[in-house]
Amino acid sequence: MQTKTPTPPYWRLSGFYLFYFATLGALLPYWGLYLQSLGFAPQKIGELMALLMATRVLAPNIWGYIADHSGKRMIIVRMASLLAALAFSAVYLNHDYWTLAGIMVIFSFFWNGTLAQVEVTTLTHLGKKTHHYSRIRLWGSVGFILSVALLGATLDRTSIDLLPTVILILMTSIWLMSLTVPESNINLPRKDCGSLWGVLQKPEVLTFFAATFLMQASHGPYYTFYTIYMEGYGYSRSLIGYLWALGVIAEVGLFLTMHRLLPTLGVRWMLLGSLLLASLRWLLVGLFPTQFSLMVFAQLLHAATFGSFHAAAIDWIHHRFTGIHQGRGQALYSSLGFGAGGAFGSFYSGQLWAMEPRSAYLAAAVIGIAAFCLAYPTINRPPR
């Protein structure tokens, strides 16, 4: 008698993604603007944003190791989500550089430890239907869109001082949503998956993580300074918010078709195409910021620079890090890409910004091309 596959808790998983990325939609576009309102120079803003990314280097790996060996992923997610909200609430205490740096390190250490474990939980709930991952993940994009668009319009009418309160409410909602998500209740096989070090030594794996690092590093000027950059060219905060939202709407459209695109195009071409389009996107933003139609097109390219790259990367990791390595595979993707790559991106963009803002986007375009050249000969190369 064939065992029926349990139905994934679609709405509960989707709800977690919704609030997690709604928080990201408040942080990435507007936190730099908030720091600017406190009087911080571009270099300091870049450093503080780099700290937000840098905790992803350690946090996902630490939480991933514990989760892989305990099997209690959602308990860890609930605890980390609560501690993240409590740590962020300290932002009201003091606004000097070192206090904010400490708060950002502590809260992001817990917050950045949750997503990789929810990714594994989601994929495990889906079983053999992992190509339907994008249907759940798209709700994260919806949360980002709502957050960035509504906040942009709100901040045009009110003070930027409202931002910390909005973020705290959203982080509390992440914790409340995590209480509803069940464990996957599937014991991952502990044999025939080799050692983690053995997997990491494969040239294809090393190249993948290097390309992921460079891809996220190329996003540094966008995530750290895009709102400030566009405001400098006369765009209102409402319009900038809509541009942010447009990019994620394009991402949602791609997620809705990813279950068909991924089997058709394959992971290799999804990753390589995303890297090329990333270079084009940053080149357009750097050279033609006053051309509104080109800025709209550049935002539509977010479907490739984040959407297709992320969905293909999640699938790539899921099939190469098996058994007890699944949690650490997703954690490495998060830490080396969004963590180390994102931190480096925020740091170099802050340094270049002080000299010439456009140069940061031109550097990002060069980094995207470098990632493509690195990945092309190695990642998923067809057999002879």
Protein backbone atom coordinates (compact mmCIF):
# COMPACT_ATOMS: atom_id res chain seq x y z
CA MET A 1 0.00 0.00 0.00
CA GLN A 2 1.46 3.35 -1.04
CA THR A 3 1.91 5.94 1.69
CA LYS A 4 0.25 9.24 0.93
CA THR A 5 2.58 12.23 1.07
CA PRO A 6 1.41 14.72 3.75
CA THR A 7 0.13 18.04 2.44
CA PRO A 8 2.67 20.82 3.12
CA PRO A 9 1.49 23.54 5.55
CA TYR A 10 1.35 25.99 2.65
CA TRP A 11 -0.15 29.05 4.33
CA ARG A 12 1.85 28.77 7.53
CA LEU A 13 5.13 28.52 5.64
CA SER A 14 4.03 31.29 3.28
CA GLY A 15 3.14 33.49 6.27
CA PHE A 16 6.63 33.16 7.70
CA TYR A 17 8.19 34.17 4.37
CA LEU A 18 5.73 37.07 4.11
CA PHE A 19 6.75 38.68 7.40
CA TYR A 20 10.45 37.80 7.09
CA PHE A 21 10.80 39.56 3.76
CA ALA A 22 8.46 42.38 4.78
CA THR A 23 11.08 43.10 7.46
CA LEU A 24 13.77 42.99 4.80
CA GLY A 25 11.64 45.39 2.74
CA ALA A 26 11.81 47.88 5.60
CA LEU A 27 15.51 47.37 6.35
CA LEU A 28 17.23 47.31 2.97
CA PRO A 29 15.64 50.31 1.23
CA TYR A 30 15.21 52.59 4.25
CA TRP A 31 17.68 51.73 7.02
CA GLY A 32 20.47 53.57 5.20
CA LEU A 33 18.15 56.57 4.92
CA TYR A 34 17.44 56.33 8.66
CA LEU A 35 21.17 56.22 9.43
CA GLN A 36 21.69 59.23 7.17
CA SER A 37 19.02 61.12 9.17
CA LEU A 38 21.07 60.43 12.31
CA GLY A 39 24.03 62.22 10.69
CA PHE A 40 26.21 59.29 9.66
CA ALA A 41 28.59 59.72 6.69
CA PRO A 42 28.42 57.30 3.70
CA GLN A 43 31.43 55.31 4.95
CA LYS A 44 29.77 54.75 8.34
CA ILE A 45 26.46 53.80 6.71
CA GLY A 46 28.31 51.27 4.54
CA GLU A 47 30.06 49.83 7.60
CA LEU A 48 26.83 49.51 9.63
CA MET A 49 25.02 47.87 6.71
CA ALA A 50 28.01 45.55 6.27
CA LEU A 51 27.57 44.41 9.89
CA LEU A 52 23.97 43.50 9.09
CA MET A 53 25.23 41.24 6.30
CA ALA A 54 28.39 40.00 8.04
CA THR A 55 26.53 38.12 10.78
CA ARG A 56 25.24 35.85 8.01
CA VAL A 57 28.74 34.45 7.73
CA LEU A 58 28.57 32.74 11.14
CA ALA A 59 24.93 32.70 12.25
CA PRO A 60 23.41 30.32 9.63
CA ASN A 61 26.29 27.85 10.07
CA ILE A 62 26.03 27.78 13.85
CA TRP A 63 22.24 27.37 13.82
CA GLY A 64 22.49 24.94 10.88
CA TYR A 65 24.93 22.69 12.74
CA ILE A 66 22.66 22.59 15.79
CA ALA A 67 19.56 21.97 13.68
CA ASP A 68 21.14 19.20 11.59
CA HIS A 69 22.12 17.27 14.69
CA SER A 70 19.03 17.94 16.78
CA GLY A 71 16.41 17.77 14.03
CA LYS A 72 14.44 20.49 15.89
CA ARG A 73 14.65 23.19 13.25
CA MET A 74 11.48 25.08 14.10
CA ILE A 75 12.25 25.22 17.82
CA ILE A 76 15.52 26.91 16.89
CA VAL A 77 13.72 29.27 14.49
CA ARG A 78 11.19 30.26 17.18
CA MET A 79 13.87 30.94 19.77
CA ALA A 80 16.08 32.91 17.36
CA SER A 81 13.12 34.98 16.07
CA LEU A 82 12.12 36.00 19.59
CA LEU A 83 15.68 36.92 20.60
CA ALA A 84 16.09 38.94 17.38
CA ALA A 85 13.01 41.04 18.18
CA LEU A 86 14.12 41.60 21.78
CA ALA A 87 17.62 42.62 20.68
CA PHE A 88 16.31 45.04 18.05
CA SER A 89 14.12 46.79 20.62
CA ALA A 90 17.34 48.20 22.14
CA VAL A 91 17.60 50.54 19.13
CA TYR A 92 15.58 53.09 21.09
CA LEU A 93 18.24 53.38 23.79
CA ASN A 94 21.07 55.20 22.02
CA HIS A 95 21.97 56.33 18.50
CA ASP A 96 25.75 56.57 18.68
CA TYR A 97 27.81 54.54 16.19
CA TRP A 98 29.09 51.81 18.52
CA THR A 99 25.74 51.23 20.23
CA LEU A 100 23.98 50.84 16.87
CA ALA A 101 26.81 48.58 15.65
CA GLY A 102 26.38 46.31 18.67
CA ILE A 103 22.60 46.19 18.31
CA MET A 104 22.84 45.34 14.61
CA VAL A 105 25.35 42.55 15.25
CA ILE A 106 23.27 40.96 18.04
CA PHE A 107 19.81 41.18 16.48
CA SER A 108 21.01 40.13 13.02
CA PHE A 109 22.94 37.17 14.47
CA PHE A 110 19.62 35.70 15.62
CA TRP A 111 17.52 36.96 12.69
CA ASN A 112 19.96 35.69 10.05
CA GLY A 113 19.97 32.26 11.63
CA THR A 114 16.31 31.55 10.89
CA LEU A 115 15.80 31.65 7.13
CA ALA A 116 18.13 28.79 6.13
CA GLN A 117 16.35 26.44 8.56
CA VAL A 118 12.92 27.44 7.25
CA GLU A 119 14.21 26.78 3.71
CA VAL A 120 15.16 23.22 4.70
CA THR A 121 11.85 22.74 6.52
CA THR A 122 9.94 23.94 3.45
CA LEU A 123 11.84 21.69 1.02
CA THR A 124 11.44 18.70 3.35
CA HIS A 125 7.69 19.29 3.62
CA LEU A 126 7.51 19.43 -0.20
CA GLY A 127 9.21 16.04 -0.56
CA LYS A 128 9.66 15.22 -4.25
CA LYS A 129 7.85 18.39 -5.34
CA THR A 130 10.74 20.75 -4.56
CA HIS A 131 10.18 22.59 -7.86
CA HIS A 132 7.02 23.99 -6.21
CA TYR A 133 9.20 25.80 -3.66
CA SER A 134 8.77 29.07 -5.56
CA ARG A 135 4.98 29.00 -5.00
CA ILE A 136 5.59 29.30 -1.26
CA ARG A 137 8.62 31.59 -1.47
CA LEU A 138 6.75 34.11 -3.65
CA TRP A 139 4.80 35.19 -0.55
CA GLY A 140 8.07 36.52 0.80
CA SER A 141 8.23 38.69 -2.29
CA VAL A 142 4.65 39.84 -1.68
CA GLY A 143 5.64 40.85 1.86
CA PHE A 144 8.62 42.79 0.54
CA ILE A 145 6.45 44.59 -2.03
CA LEU A 146 3.81 45.61 0.50
CA SER A 147 6.41 46.77 2.99
CA VAL A 148 8.57 48.79 0.61
CA ALA A 149 5.67 50.41 -1.26
CA LEU A 150 3.60 51.34 1.80
CA LEU A 151 6.63 52.58 3.73
CA GLY A 152 7.80 54.73 0.82
CA ALA A 153 4.45 56.49 0.64
CA THR A 154 4.25 56.78 4.45
CA LEU A 155 7.75 58.25 4.84
CA ASP A 156 6.91 60.94 2.30
CA ARG A 157 4.27 62.19 4.75
CA THR A 158 5.81 61.36 8.12
CA SER A 159 9.21 61.25 9.78
CA ILE A 160 11.83 58.55 9.11
CA ASP A 161 11.87 58.13 12.91
CA LEU A 162 8.85 55.85 12.46
CA LEU A 163 11.02 53.18 10.81
CA PRO A 164 12.40 51.36 13.92
CA THR A 165 8.86 50.86 15.26
CA VAL A 166 7.66 49.39 11.97
CA ILE A 167 10.63 47.00 11.87
CA LEU A 168 10.05 45.90 15.48
CA ILE A 169 6.38 45.13 14.76
CA LEU A 170 7.36 43.08 11.71
CA MET A 171 10.04 41.16 13.62
CA THR A 172 7.54 40.32 16.34
CA SER A 173 5.20 39.04 13.61
CA ILE A 174 7.97 36.74 12.35
CA TRP A 175 8.18 35.15 15.79
CA LEU A 176 4.39 34.78 16.09
CA MET A 177 4.24 33.16 12.63
CA SER A 178 7.06 30.75 13.49
CA LEU A 179 4.92 29.38 16.33
CA THR A 180 2.44 28.03 13.77
CA VAL A 181 4.91 26.21 11.47
CA PRO A 182 5.23 22.49 12.29
CA GLU A 183 8.43 20.46 12.17
CA SER A 184 8.86 18.45 8.98
CA ASN A 185 8.96 15.21 11.02
CA ILE A 186 11.15 13.51 8.44
CA ASN A 187 14.37 11.88 9.61
CA LEU A 188 17.12 12.70 7.14
CA PRO A 189 19.32 9.75 6.16
CA ARG A 190 22.64 9.67 7.97
CA LYS A 191 24.49 7.33 5.64
CA ASP A 192 25.71 7.38 2.07
CA CYS A 193 26.01 11.17 1.98
CA GLY A 194 29.74 11.32 2.70
CA SER A 195 31.47 14.00 4.72
CA LEU A 196 30.67 17.68 4.39
CA TRP A 197 34.33 18.38 3.66
CA GLY A 198 34.22 15.88 0.80
CA VAL A 199 31.31 17.75 -0.77
CA LEU A 200 33.00 21.12 -0.33
CA GLN A 201 36.21 19.97 -2.06
CA LYS A 202 34.46 19.41 -5.39
CA PRO A 203 35.48 22.10 -7.94
CA GLU A 204 31.88 22.68 -8.98
CA VAL A 205 30.86 23.37 -5.39
CA LEU A 206 33.76 25.74 -4.77
CA THR A 207 32.98 27.62 -7.98
CA PHE A 208 29.29 27.83 -7.11
CA PHE A 209 29.98 29.45 -3.74
CA ALA A 210 32.54 31.83 -5.26
CA ALA A 211 30.00 32.91 -7.90
CA THR A 212 27.34 33.30 -5.20
CA PHE A 213 29.70 35.50 -3.18
CA LEU A 214 30.36 37.73 -6.20
CA MET A 215 26.69 37.88 -7.19
CA GLN A 216 25.66 39.16 -3.77
CA ALA A 217 28.66 41.50 -3.60
CA SER A 218 27.46 43.10 -6.85
CA HIS A 219 24.19 43.97 -5.06
CA GLY A 220 26.05 46.00 -2.40
CA PRO A 221 25.44 49.49 -3.87
CA TYR A 222 21.79 48.61 -4.53
CA TYR A 223 20.93 47.30 -1.07
CA THR A 224 22.93 49.97 0.77
CA PHE A 225 22.51 53.18 -1.23
CA TYR A 226 19.82 52.81 -3.93
CA THR A 227 17.25 54.94 -2.07
CA ILE A 228 19.82 57.63 -1.26
CA TYR A 229 21.16 57.46 -4.84
CA MET A 230 17.78 57.94 -6.49
CA GLU A 231 16.77 60.64 -4.02
CA GLY A 232 19.88 62.54 -5.12
CA TYR A 233 18.50 62.57 -8.68
CA GLY A 234 15.17 64.08 -7.60
CA TYR A 235 13.05 60.93 -7.15
CA SER A 236 10.50 61.10 -4.31
CA ARG A 237 10.50 58.45 -1.58
CA SER A 238 7.12 57.22 -2.81
CA LEU A 239 8.43 56.73 -6.35
CA ILE A 240 11.60 55.08 -5.07
CA GLY A 241 9.46 52.74 -2.99
CA TYR A 242 7.42 51.85 -6.07
CA LEU A 243 10.63 51.14 -8.00
CA TRP A 244 11.78 48.80 -5.23
CA ALA A 245 8.35 47.14 -5.31
CA LEU A 246 8.41 46.84 -9.10
CA GLY A 247 11.60 44.81 -8.92
CA VAL A 248 10.04 42.38 -6.49
CA ILE A 249 6.80 42.20 -8.51
CA ALA A 250 8.94 41.02 -11.43
CA GLU A 251 10.50 38.51 -9.05
CA VAL A 252 7.03 37.22 -8.09
CA GLY A 253 6.11 36.80 -11.74
CA LEU A 254 9.20 34.69 -12.22
CA PHE A 255 8.52 32.61 -9.11
CA LEU A 256 5.04 31.80 -10.46
CA THR A 257 6.58 30.27 -13.60
CA MET A 258 9.76 28.84 -12.05
CA HIS A 259 8.31 25.34 -11.70
CA ARG A 260 8.17 25.28 -15.52
CA LEU A 261 11.27 27.32 -16.34
CA LEU A 262 13.70 25.42 -14.11
CA PRO A 263 13.10 21.94 -15.63
CA THR A 264 13.14 23.48 -19.14
CA LEU A 265 16.23 25.72 -18.98
CA GLY A 266 18.14 23.84 -16.31
CA VAL A 267 20.02 25.16 -13.31
CA ARG A 268 23.20 25.95 -15.29
CA TRP A 269 21.61 28.45 -17.67
CA MET A 270 19.39 29.95 -15.00
CA LEU A 271 22.47 30.78 -12.93
CA LEU A 272 24.65 31.97 -15.84
CA GLY A 273 21.89 34.08 -17.38
CA SER A 274 21.22 35.72 -14.02
CA LEU A 275 24.88 36.74 -13.67
CA LEU A 276 24.97 38.36 -17.11
CA LEU A 277 21.74 40.26 -16.53
CA ALA A 278 23.03 41.47 -13.16
CA SER A 279 25.95 43.18 -14.90
CA LEU A 280 23.57 44.81 -17.36
CA ARG A 281 21.35 46.02 -14.54
CA TRP A 282 24.12 47.72 -12.54
CA LEU A 283 25.55 49.27 -15.70
CA LEU A 284 22.18 50.88 -16.48
CA VAL A 285 21.71 52.17 -12.94
CA GLY A 286 25.21 53.60 -12.86
CA LEU A 287 25.13 55.31 -16.26
CA PHE A 288 21.51 56.37 -16.78
CA PRO A 289 19.87 57.19 -13.41
CA THR A 290 17.88 60.10 -14.86
CA GLN A 291 16.31 57.95 -17.61
CA PHE A 292 13.13 56.76 -15.88
CA SER A 293 12.24 54.15 -18.53
CA LEU A 294 15.69 52.56 -18.17
CA MET A 295 15.35 52.56 -14.39
CA VAL A 296 12.02 50.72 -14.74
CA PHE A 297 13.69 48.17 -17.02
CA ALA A 298 16.60 47.81 -14.58
CA GLN A 299 14.14 47.06 -11.77
CA LEU A 300 12.40 44.45 -13.90
CA LEU A 301 15.77 42.71 -14.17
CA HIS A 302 15.46 41.94 -10.45
CA ALA A 303 13.51 38.90 -11.64
CA ALA A 304 16.87 37.58 -12.86
CA THR A 305 19.42 39.09 -10.51
CA PHE A 306 17.59 37.77 -7.45
CA GLY A 307 14.55 35.67 -8.45
CA SER A 308 15.93 33.16 -10.94
CA PHE A 309 19.38 33.05 -9.33
CA HIS A 310 17.98 32.35 -5.87
CA ALA A 311 15.46 29.70 -6.97
CA ALA A 312 18.08 27.92 -9.10
CA ALA A 313 20.65 28.13 -6.28
CA ILE A 314 18.24 26.66 -3.71
CA ASP A 315 17.50 23.75 -6.07
CA TRP A 316 21.23 23.28 -6.83
CA ILE A 317 22.13 23.06 -3.14
CA HIS A 318 19.22 20.78 -2.28
CA HIS A 319 20.47 18.15 -4.74
CA ARG A 320 24.16 18.38 -3.76
CA PHE A 321 23.96 18.65 0.02
CA THR A 322 21.95 15.59 1.02
CA GLY A 323 21.01 13.87 4.27
CA ILE A 324 22.37 15.53 7.40
CA HIS A 325 24.20 18.11 5.27
CA GLN A 326 21.03 19.84 4.02
CA GLY A 327 20.85 22.45 6.76
CA ARG A 328 24.54 23.33 6.51
CA GLY A 329 24.36 23.45 2.71
CA GLN A 330 21.63 26.08 2.86
CA ALA A 331 23.51 27.81 5.68
CA LEU A 332 26.69 28.02 3.59
CA TYR A 333 24.73 29.51 0.71
CA SER A 334 23.32 32.13 3.06
CA SER A 335 26.59 32.86 4.86
CA LEU A 336 28.98 32.95 1.90
CA GLY A 337 26.53 34.72 -0.43
CA PHE A 338 24.22 37.01 1.51
CA GLY A 339 26.62 37.17 4.46
CA ALA A 340 30.21 37.51 3.25
CA GLY A 341 29.24 38.70 -0.23
CA GLY A 342 26.66 41.15 1.08
CA ALA A 343 29.03 42.51 3.73
CA PHE A 344 31.81 43.02 1.18
CA GLY A 345 29.31 44.67 -1.15
CA SER A 346 28.13 47.13 1.51
CA PHE A 347 31.70 47.92 2.54
CA TYR A 348 33.17 48.60 -0.91
CA SER A 349 30.10 50.58 -1.99
CA GLY A 350 30.46 52.83 1.07
CA GLN A 351 34.12 53.50 0.23
CA LEU A 352 33.46 54.19 -3.46
CA TRP A 353 30.38 56.27 -2.67
CA ALA A 354 32.48 58.88 -0.89
CA MET A 355 34.46 59.40 -4.11
CA GLU A 356 31.77 59.05 -6.81
CA PRO A 357 28.39 57.30 -6.33
CA ARG A 358 28.21 56.04 -9.92
CA SER A 359 31.55 54.26 -9.56
CA ALA A 360 30.00 51.85 -7.05
CA TYR A 361 27.48 50.62 -9.65
CA LEU A 362 30.14 50.36 -12.35
CA ALA A 363 32.24 48.24 -9.98
CA ALA A 364 29.16 46.07 -9.35
CA ALA A 365 28.79 45.50 -13.12
CA VAL A 366 32.43 44.37 -13.34
CA ILE A 367 31.91 41.99 -10.41
CA GLY A 368 28.90 40.43 -12.17
CA ILE A 369 30.93 39.78 -15.32
CA ALA A 370 33.74 38.27 -13.23
CA ALA A 371 31.24 35.89 -11.60
CA PHE A 372 29.95 34.79 -15.03
CA CYS A 373 33.47 34.13 -16.32
CA LEU A 374 34.25 32.09 -13.22
CA ALA A 375 31.05 30.03 -13.32
CA TYR A 376 30.78 29.35 -17.06
CA PRO A 377 33.44 26.59 -17.40
CA THR A 378 32.55 24.72 -14.23
CA ILE A 379 28.98 24.90 -12.91
CA ASN A 380 26.91 22.00 -14.22
CA ARG A 381 29.13 21.62 -17.30
CA PRO A 382 27.39 19.14 -19.63
CA PRO A 383 29.17 15.79 -19.96
CA ARG A 384 31.25 15.22 -23.10
